[in-house]
Protein backbone atom coordinates (compact mmCIF):
# COMPACT_ATOMS: atom_id res chain seq x y z
CA GLN A 1 99.68 100.75 115.70
CA MET A 2 98.91 102.21 112.30
CA LYS A 3 98.89 105.73 113.74
CA ARG A 4 102.37 105.03 115.17
CA ILE A 5 103.58 103.85 111.77
CA CYS A 6 102.32 107.06 110.19
CA ARG A 7 104.21 109.15 112.83
CA ILE A 8 107.40 107.16 112.23
CA LEU A 9 107.10 107.68 108.47
CA GLN A 10 106.57 111.42 108.88
CA SER A 11 109.60 111.56 111.23
CA LYS A 12 111.65 109.66 108.67
CA LEU A 13 110.54 112.06 105.96
CA GLN A 14 111.68 115.04 108.00
CA GLU A 15 114.97 113.32 108.76
CA LEU A 16 115.61 112.61 105.10
CA SER A 17 114.79 116.23 104.22
CA ARG A 18 117.27 117.58 106.81
CA SER A 19 120.01 115.15 105.83
CA GLY A 20 119.71 115.84 102.14
CA GLY A 21 118.11 112.54 101.16
CA SER A 22 117.68 111.89 97.48
CA ARG A 23 114.58 113.09 95.70
CA ALA A 24 113.56 109.49 95.00
CA GLU A 25 113.88 108.54 98.69
CA LEU A 26 111.83 111.54 99.78
CA GLN A 27 109.10 110.85 97.18
CA GLU A 28 108.95 107.11 98.10
CA CYS A 29 108.62 107.86 101.83
CA GLU A 30 106.08 110.59 101.25
CA ASP A 31 103.95 108.37 98.99
CA PHE A 32 103.99 105.50 101.45
CA ALA A 33 103.08 107.81 104.35
CA ARG A 34 100.07 109.10 102.39
CA GLN A 35 99.02 105.50 101.61
CA MET A 36 99.18 104.51 105.29
CA GLU A 37 97.24 107.60 106.32
CA ALA A 38 94.59 106.87 103.72
CA LEU A 39 94.36 103.26 104.87
CA LEU A 40 94.00 104.47 108.46
CA ASP A 41 91.09 106.64 107.38
CA LEU A 42 89.57 103.69 105.52
CA GLN A 43 89.72 101.30 108.47
CA THR A 44 89.02 103.57 111.44
CA SER A 45 86.87 106.50 110.35
CA ARG A 46 83.50 107.15 108.84
CA GLY A 47 84.60 110.28 107.03
CA ARG A 48 86.07 111.89 110.18
CA GLY A 49 88.86 114.30 109.17
CA VAL A 50 88.67 113.31 105.50
CA SER A 51 88.01 116.11 103.04
CA LYS A 52 85.10 115.72 100.65
CA GLU A 53 87.55 115.96 97.79
CA HIS A 54 89.35 112.76 98.83
CA ALA A 55 86.60 110.90 100.67
CA LEU A 56 85.43 107.64 99.24
CA PRO A 57 81.74 106.71 99.20
CA GLN A 58 80.84 104.51 102.17
CA GLU A 59 79.91 101.66 99.88
CA VAL A 60 83.37 101.68 98.32
CA LYS A 61 84.98 101.67 101.80
CA GLU A 62 82.87 98.73 102.91
CA TRP A 63 83.68 96.79 99.77
CA LEU A 64 87.44 97.39 100.15
CA VAL A 65 87.44 96.35 103.81
CA ASN A 66 85.11 93.38 103.48
CA GLN A 67 86.36 91.98 100.19
CA TRP A 68 90.10 92.73 100.39
CA THR A 69 91.03 92.10 104.00
CA GLU A 70 90.79 89.02 106.18
CA GLY A 71 90.18 89.28 109.14
CA SER A 72 112.13 73.64 97.65
CA PHE A 73 114.20 72.81 94.83
CA ARG A 74 115.06 74.17 91.41
CA LEU A 75 115.02 72.17 88.22
CA GLY A 76 118.36 72.07 86.40
CA GLU A 77 118.16 73.62 82.94
CA GLU A 78 121.29 71.69 82.00
CA LEU A 79 119.32 68.47 81.96
CA SER A 80 118.16 66.95 78.69
CA PRO A 81 115.07 68.78 77.42
CA ILE A 82 111.85 67.14 76.31
CA ARG A 83 111.86 66.90 72.53
CA GLY A 84 109.09 66.32 70.08
CA THR A 85 106.19 68.72 69.69
CA ALA A 86 103.64 66.66 67.78
CA THR A 87 100.74 68.06 69.74
CA LEU A 88 101.71 71.62 68.85
CA ARG A 89 101.68 71.14 65.13
CA ALA A 90 98.00 71.94 64.74
CA THR A 91 98.41 75.27 66.43
CA GLN A 92 101.72 76.03 64.77
CA SER A 93 100.32 75.27 61.34
CA VAL A 94 97.29 77.55 61.72
CA PRO A 95 97.47 80.13 58.85
CA PHE A 96 97.51 83.19 61.10
CA ASN A 97 96.26 86.35 59.44
CA ASP A 98 98.36 89.51 59.77
CA GLU A 99 96.22 90.94 62.53
CA LEU A 100 96.52 87.78 64.63
CA LYS A 101 100.26 87.66 64.03
CA ASP A 102 100.57 91.21 65.30
CA LEU A 103 98.52 90.34 68.38
CA LEU A 104 100.59 87.24 69.12
CA ASN A 105 103.81 89.21 68.76
CA LEU A 106 102.79 90.97 71.98
CA VAL A 107 102.80 87.72 74.00
CA GLY A 108 105.39 88.15 76.71
CA THR A 109 104.45 91.80 77.32
CA PRO A 110 101.64 93.37 79.35
CA ASP A 111 100.15 94.74 76.12
CA VAL A 112 98.69 91.47 74.77
CA ASP A 113 95.00 92.02 74.13
CA VAL A 114 93.24 88.71 74.77
CA VAL A 115 89.81 90.13 73.84
CA ALA A 116 91.13 90.96 70.36
CA VAL A 117 92.76 87.52 70.10
CA GLN A 118 89.48 85.86 71.10
CA LYS A 119 87.65 87.63 68.25
CA GLN A 120 89.96 86.21 65.59
CA PRO A 121 88.25 83.58 63.44
CA GLU A 122 91.21 81.20 63.62
CA VAL A 123 90.99 81.19 67.43
CA ALA A 124 87.35 80.10 67.36
CA GLY A 125 86.77 81.23 70.95
CA ASN A 126 89.55 79.07 72.38
CA VAL A 127 91.72 81.93 73.55
CA ILE A 128 93.16 80.09 76.56
CA THR A 129 94.24 77.05 74.58
CA VAL A 130 95.67 79.04 71.66
CA LEU A 131 97.67 81.44 73.83
CA PHE A 132 98.82 78.64 76.18
CA VAL A 133 100.15 76.48 73.35
CA TYR A 134 101.60 79.48 71.54
CA THR A 135 103.39 80.63 74.69
CA LEU A 136 104.85 77.25 75.50
CA SER A 137 105.80 76.49 71.88
CA TYR A 138 107.20 79.75 70.62
CA GLY A 139 108.37 80.78 74.04
CA GLY A 140 110.50 77.67 74.28
CA VAL A 141 109.17 76.45 77.61
CA PHE A 142 108.24 72.99 76.28
CA ASP A 143 111.64 72.51 74.65
CA GLN A 144 113.48 73.50 77.85
CA LEU A 145 111.63 71.12 80.15
CA PRO A 146 114.10 68.44 81.31
CA VAL A 147 113.10 64.98 80.24
CA GLU A 148 114.09 63.74 83.71
CA CYS A 149 110.99 65.40 85.20
CA LEU A 150 108.90 62.71 83.50
CA SER A 151 108.51 59.21 84.89
CA ASP A 152 109.41 57.81 81.50
CA SER A 153 111.60 59.71 79.05
CA SER A 154 109.69 58.30 76.13
CA THR A 155 106.42 59.98 77.16
CA GLY A 156 107.36 63.51 76.07
CA GLU A 157 104.82 63.81 73.26
CA ILE A 158 102.13 62.08 75.37
CA PHE A 159 102.80 64.55 78.18
CA GLN A 160 102.35 67.51 75.81
CA ASP A 161 99.24 66.02 74.25
CA ARG A 162 97.62 65.46 77.63
CA LEU A 163 98.56 68.93 78.87
CA VAL A 164 97.01 70.63 75.88
CA LYS A 165 93.84 68.52 76.18
CA PHE A 166 93.69 69.37 79.89
CA VAL A 167 93.88 73.10 79.14
CA SER A 168 91.18 72.70 76.49
CA ALA A 169 88.98 70.91 79.04
CA ILE A 170 89.58 73.71 81.54
CA GLU A 171 88.63 76.28 78.94
CA GLY A 172 85.37 74.45 78.30
CA ALA A 173 84.52 74.57 82.03
CA TYR A 174 84.64 78.38 82.15
CA GLN A 175 81.15 79.84 82.13
CA ASP A 176 79.95 82.67 79.96
CA MET A 177 80.20 85.42 82.58
CA PRO A 178 80.74 89.12 81.91
CA TYR A 179 84.11 89.09 83.72
CA HIS A 180 85.13 85.73 85.17
CA ASN A 181 85.33 83.89 81.84
CA ASN A 182 87.99 82.22 79.70
CA MET A 183 89.29 85.58 78.46
CA HIS A 184 90.03 86.68 82.02
CA ALA A 185 91.93 83.44 82.66
CA ALA A 186 93.90 83.91 79.46
CA ASP A 187 94.61 87.51 80.39
CA VAL A 188 95.94 86.55 83.83
CA ALA A 189 98.07 83.77 82.27
CA MET A 190 99.62 86.24 79.86
CA MET A 191 100.46 88.64 82.68
CA MET A 192 102.06 85.77 84.63
CA HIS A 193 104.09 84.90 81.54
CA SER A 194 105.32 88.51 81.27
CA PHE A 195 106.30 88.49 84.95
CA CYS A 196 108.25 85.28 84.47
CA LEU A 197 110.28 86.94 81.71
CA THR A 198 111.47 89.91 83.82
CA SER A 199 115.18 90.15 84.62
CA ASN A 200 114.98 89.26 88.30
CA MET A 201 113.04 86.10 87.44
CA SER A 202 115.83 84.64 85.33
CA TRP A 203 116.26 81.96 88.02
CA ILE A 204 112.89 80.42 87.31
CA SER A 205 113.00 76.86 85.99
CA PRO A 206 111.02 75.81 82.87
CA LEU A 207 108.88 73.59 85.06
CA ASP A 208 108.01 76.42 87.47
CA HIS A 209 107.30 78.65 84.51
CA LEU A 210 104.86 75.99 83.26
CA LEU A 211 103.39 75.74 86.76
CA SER A 212 102.73 79.47 86.92
CA LEU A 213 100.82 79.34 83.62
CA ILE A 214 98.76 76.31 84.68
CA ALA A 215 97.80 77.99 87.98
CA ALA A 216 96.74 81.10 86.07
CA VAL A 217 94.67 79.10 83.60
CA ILE A 218 92.76 77.24 86.33
CA HIS A 219 92.46 80.02 88.90
CA ASP A 220 88.81 80.93 88.15
CA VAL A 221 87.54 77.83 86.36
CA GLY A 222 83.83 77.23 86.94
CA HIS A 223 83.26 80.72 88.37
CA ASP A 224 79.53 81.42 88.50
CA GLY A 225 79.69 85.20 88.43
CA VAL A 226 79.07 85.84 92.11
CA ASN A 227 81.65 86.31 94.87
CA ASN A 228 82.42 84.48 98.09
CA MET A 229 80.32 86.91 100.08
CA PHE A 230 77.24 85.94 98.08
CA HIS A 231 77.86 82.20 98.51
CA VAL A 232 78.28 82.57 102.27
CA LYS A 233 75.18 84.74 102.68
CA ALA A 234 73.12 82.37 100.49
CA GLN A 235 74.58 79.27 102.18
CA SER A 236 75.08 77.80 98.72
CA PRO A 237 76.14 74.17 98.30
CA VAL A 238 79.72 75.23 97.48
CA ALA A 239 79.85 77.42 100.62
CA LEU A 240 78.61 74.56 102.76
CA ARG A 241 81.12 72.18 101.14
CA TYR A 242 84.09 74.44 101.88
CA ASN A 243 82.89 75.78 105.28
CA ASP A 244 82.63 79.44 104.10
CA ARG A 245 86.41 79.62 103.61
CA SER A 246 87.82 80.68 100.27
CA VAL A 247 84.74 79.10 98.79
CA LEU A 248 85.31 79.82 95.12
CA GLU A 249 89.06 79.35 95.23
CA ASN A 250 88.67 75.88 96.78
CA MET A 251 86.09 75.04 94.12
CA HIS A 252 88.35 76.18 91.28
CA CYS A 253 91.17 73.93 92.52
CA ALA A 254 88.91 70.90 93.06
CA LEU A 255 87.22 71.28 89.68
CA ALA A 256 90.53 71.60 87.83
CA PHE A 257 91.96 68.39 89.33
CA GLU A 258 88.67 66.55 88.94
CA LEU A 259 88.69 67.41 85.20
CA MET A 260 92.28 66.20 84.96
CA LYS A 261 91.61 62.90 86.79
CA GLU A 262 88.38 61.95 85.10
CA ASN A 263 90.01 61.27 81.75
CA GLU A 264 93.38 59.63 81.20
CA GLU A 265 93.88 61.77 78.10
CA THR A 266 93.93 64.94 80.25
CA ASN A 267 95.94 63.52 83.18
CA TRP A 268 99.34 65.02 82.48
CA LEU A 269 100.26 65.00 86.18
CA SER A 270 100.35 61.19 86.29
CA LEU A 271 103.33 61.27 83.93
CA MET A 272 105.52 63.36 86.24
CA ASN A 273 108.52 61.80 88.01
CA THR A 274 107.79 60.87 91.62
CA SER A 275 111.49 60.64 92.46
CA PHE A 276 113.22 63.59 90.82
CA ALA A 277 116.58 64.91 92.00
CA MET A 278 118.70 67.49 90.29
CA ASP A 279 121.67 66.11 92.15
CA PRO A 280 122.11 62.48 93.32
CA LYS A 281 123.10 63.83 96.73
CA GLU A 282 119.74 65.57 97.14
CA LYS A 283 116.59 64.08 98.55
CA PRO A 284 114.33 63.09 95.61
CA THR A 285 111.18 65.18 95.09
CA ASP A 286 107.78 63.84 94.10
CA LEU A 287 106.89 66.20 91.25
CA ARG A 288 103.24 65.10 91.24
CA GLN A 289 102.83 66.28 94.83
CA TYR A 290 104.98 69.37 94.30
CA LEU A 291 103.06 70.64 91.26
CA ARG A 292 99.65 69.94 92.71
CA ARG A 293 100.48 71.51 96.09
CA ALA A 294 102.06 74.60 94.56
CA ALA A 295 99.20 75.17 92.10
CA ILE A 296 96.64 74.85 94.88
CA GLU A 297 98.53 77.32 97.10
CA MET A 298 98.69 79.83 94.24
CA VAL A 299 94.98 79.61 93.44
CA LEU A 300 93.93 79.78 97.10
CA ALA A 301 96.05 82.96 97.40
CA THR A 302 93.79 84.69 94.82
CA ASP A 303 91.08 84.97 97.50
CA PRO A 304 90.79 88.80 97.80
CA THR A 305 90.77 88.55 101.57
CA LYS A 306 94.38 87.31 101.41
CA HIS A 307 95.58 90.63 100.03
CA ASN A 308 97.09 91.99 103.26
CA ALA A 309 98.87 88.73 104.01
CA LEU A 310 100.30 88.73 100.50
CA MET A 311 101.51 92.29 100.91
CA ASP A 312 103.35 91.17 104.05
CA ASP A 313 104.90 88.27 102.10
CA LEU A 314 105.95 90.66 99.35
CA LYS A 315 107.65 93.03 101.79
CA ALA A 316 109.49 90.08 103.36
CA LEU A 317 110.75 89.04 99.90
CA ILE A 318 111.94 92.58 99.21
CA GLN A 319 113.78 92.74 102.53
CA ALA A 320 115.40 89.32 102.01
CA LYS A 321 116.70 90.40 98.60
CA SER A 322 117.02 86.70 97.72
CA ILE A 323 115.33 87.12 94.39
CA GLN A 324 117.95 89.62 93.22
CA ALA A 325 120.85 87.44 94.37
CA GLU A 326 122.78 85.22 91.99
CA GLY A 327 120.85 81.98 91.64
CA GLY A 328 117.55 83.54 92.71
CA LEU A 329 115.17 81.89 95.20
CA SER A 330 116.20 78.54 96.58
CA ASP A 331 114.12 78.59 99.73
CA ALA A 332 110.86 76.67 99.08
CA LYS A 333 108.64 79.00 101.13
CA GLN A 334 110.08 82.13 99.54
CA LYS A 335 109.56 80.67 96.10
CA GLN A 336 105.94 79.76 96.86
CA ASP A 337 105.33 83.22 98.34
CA ALA A 338 106.72 84.80 95.20
CA PHE A 339 104.43 82.84 92.91
CA ASN A 340 101.42 83.55 95.16
CA VAL A 341 102.11 87.29 95.03
CA LEU A 342 102.65 87.30 91.25
CA LEU A 343 99.39 85.45 90.52
CA HIS A 344 97.51 87.87 92.78
CA ALA A 345 99.13 90.80 91.00
CA ALA A 346 98.28 89.38 87.63
CA ASP A 347 94.68 88.84 88.79
CA VAL A 348 94.24 92.50 89.72
CA SER A 349 96.33 93.96 86.89
CA ASN A 350 93.53 95.49 84.81
CA ALA A 351 94.18 99.11 85.77
CA THR A 352 97.92 98.75 84.93
CA ARG A 353 97.17 98.00 81.28
CA LYS A 354 96.74 100.41 78.34
CA LEU A 355 93.58 102.41 78.77
CA PRO A 356 91.27 100.60 76.30
CA ILE A 357 92.11 97.24 77.89
CA ALA A 358 91.81 98.63 81.39
CA LEU A 359 88.39 100.17 80.67
CA TYR A 360 87.05 97.05 79.00
CA TRP A 361 87.77 94.92 82.06
CA SER A 362 86.48 97.61 84.48
CA ARG A 363 83.21 97.70 82.59
CA GLN A 364 82.85 93.92 82.57
CA VAL A 365 83.50 93.49 86.31
CA LEU A 366 80.89 96.16 87.13
CA LEU A 367 78.34 94.43 84.96
CA GLU A 368 79.03 91.25 86.88
CA PHE A 369 78.85 92.97 90.24
CA TRP A 370 75.48 94.50 89.40
CA ALA A 371 74.08 91.20 88.09
CA GLN A 372 75.01 89.74 91.49
CA GLY A 373 73.23 92.62 93.24
CA ASP A 374 70.11 92.03 91.15
CA HIS A 375 70.21 88.35 92.07
CA GLU A 376 70.69 89.11 95.77
CA ARG A 377 67.73 91.47 95.72
CA SER A 378 65.57 88.83 94.03
CA LEU A 379 66.47 86.39 96.82
CA GLY A 380 65.72 88.86 99.58
CA LEU A 381 69.40 89.09 100.54
CA GLU A 382 71.24 92.24 101.51
CA VAL A 383 72.88 93.65 98.41
CA SER A 384 76.70 93.35 98.66
CA PRO A 385 78.95 96.43 98.53
CA LEU A 386 79.39 97.79 94.92
CA CYS A 387 76.66 95.43 93.68
CA ASP A 388 73.76 97.88 93.71
CA ARG A 389 73.08 98.80 90.11
CA ALA A 390 71.32 102.12 90.69
CA SER A 391 73.94 103.67 92.96
CA GLY A 392 76.80 102.02 91.13
CA MET A 393 75.95 103.47 87.76
CA ALA A 394 76.13 106.97 89.26
CA SER A 395 79.50 106.49 91.05
CA VAL A 396 81.73 104.49 88.71
CA PRO A 397 84.84 106.77 88.95
CA GLN A 398 84.85 106.75 92.74
CA GLY A 399 84.89 102.99 92.92
CA GLN A 400 87.74 102.72 90.38
CA ILE A 401 89.76 105.38 92.21
CA GLY A 402 89.30 103.58 95.49
CA PHE A 403 90.34 100.20 94.15
CA ILE A 404 93.44 101.64 92.46
CA GLY A 405 94.47 103.71 95.49
CA PHE A 406 94.04 101.08 98.14
CA ILE A 407 94.79 97.83 96.32
CA VAL A 408 96.51 98.11 92.96
CA ARG A 409 98.90 101.01 93.40
CA PRO A 410 100.39 99.91 96.72
CA LEU A 411 100.81 96.37 95.44
CA TYR A 412 102.50 97.32 92.20
CA GLN A 413 104.73 99.95 93.81
CA GLN A 414 106.06 97.30 96.17
CA LEU A 415 106.27 94.70 93.39
CA GLY A 416 108.36 97.18 91.42
CA LEU A 417 111.00 97.00 94.14
CA LEU A 418 111.21 93.26 93.48
CA LEU A 419 110.89 93.31 89.69
CA PRO A 420 112.01 96.72 88.34
CA GLU A 421 110.23 96.25 85.00
CA ILE A 422 106.94 96.38 86.87
CA LEU A 423 107.49 100.10 87.41
CA GLN A 424 106.38 100.58 83.79
CA ALA A 425 102.97 99.27 84.87
CA VAL A 426 102.94 101.81 87.70
CA GLU A 427 103.40 104.60 85.14
CA GLN A 428 100.48 103.27 83.10
CA LEU A 429 98.47 103.00 86.32
CA LYS A 430 98.97 106.71 86.91
CA LYS A 431 97.39 107.42 83.50
CA THR A 432 94.42 105.21 84.30
CA GLU A 433 93.98 106.89 87.69
CA ALA A 434 94.16 110.33 86.06
CA TYR A 435 91.43 109.25 83.64
CA TRP A 436 89.14 108.30 86.49
CA GLN A 437 89.92 111.45 88.44
CA GLN A 438 88.81 113.49 85.40
CA LYS A 439 85.66 111.44 85.08
CA LYS A 440 84.95 112.04 88.74
CA GLU A 441 85.34 115.78 88.26
CA ASP A 442 82.98 115.56 85.24
CA ASN A 443 80.44 113.64 87.38
CA ALA A 444 80.45 110.99 84.66
CA ASN A 445 77.88 108.21 84.85
CA PHE A 446 78.38 104.63 83.64
CA LEU A 447 77.78 105.31 79.94
CA GLU A 448 79.94 108.41 79.95
CA SER A 449 82.73 106.66 81.82
CA PHE A 450 83.07 103.97 79.13
CA ALA A 451 82.05 105.94 76.04
CA ILE A 452 85.61 105.60 74.67
CA LEU A 453 85.01 101.87 74.18
CA ASP A 454 82.17 102.50 71.76
CA GLN A 455 84.08 104.92 69.56
């Protein structure tokens, strides 16, 4: 089937060339044909017909295949907003130094550097909470939430107070891992926020904007620094509990809602209206069920093995063109699919960032991979792909090039058709990829690949 797709694409390319197709059309078709051919090589060959120049190490191929493949309403912004921001005063009154002010001014763009924010003394290591409150306060999301979405209009300040305490509790539940830590969660939340501000997302309601940030904040809570493959191989308690299916993602969701429910002061969800209707003629919606269900769906979709299914959902959204239409997405499934895709894109966005940020996160994830490999070896388990420290330190560029070429670039190129501003990230991605291509040519090892971070 994939070979047939490649032939069709090549035929289309020839047809466009004969008929005088635009340069952009030709380039797009040519790029996609190359991606499909590369994917065909990845899935069906063991180096057969692939030049040494473009061949990926077998370990990288196995990791990409095993880790990244798997086998209904809108809130009315005209409603009365929630007023009163007592819980935000502490954050708003913090005497930000000039450096922190400059860092916070980047909130809403892909350039926000959460690692630099985390290091600021005023932040005191609470980067998720500070950025979450700053985003909702100065971004106006809190003030735009309709009071009708609460069960009692007088609970606005209580709702905000509980929400902030919930986020703080979530932050405390992140472990001190090289990569899957509170800074990663904050980084993903900031990318989600920037996506929500793009022009084709103008239809998003304040409540759904809030939902997207909450899902990003909780999406890796409690992560123990090893992946689903490790848990399944080791038959860990969490793998047994969730029957080897999206083990970590199920755990993240369960832990987040357990933290919320165990203390009334963090249970913001209990204040939501269970009979909300934008129009009296519409069937009322239980916002407690809606928000919980939507957040769970988003987090479960961050399982890397869901990548191909999410790509299919993204292509369906592009073909439907609903998001570009006046009024945006009204279909509940399409809206959920859009949020699932966006959180996945935010989760794998590292290589689309400015080079110092991209390199920092690449280094951290490799350190976490190799720590897993060391642990697997100590337990007598087979070392997972890309988790062998010795071979990994000698082939860093190849792994980065493979991940960009087979996962990040195809995802962001398609996402750019949905949200045009994302194409800026594609341009930055090209620079990151060129960096790794040069390091590959230089036969750079681990230390040489990341030397720029120590300058």
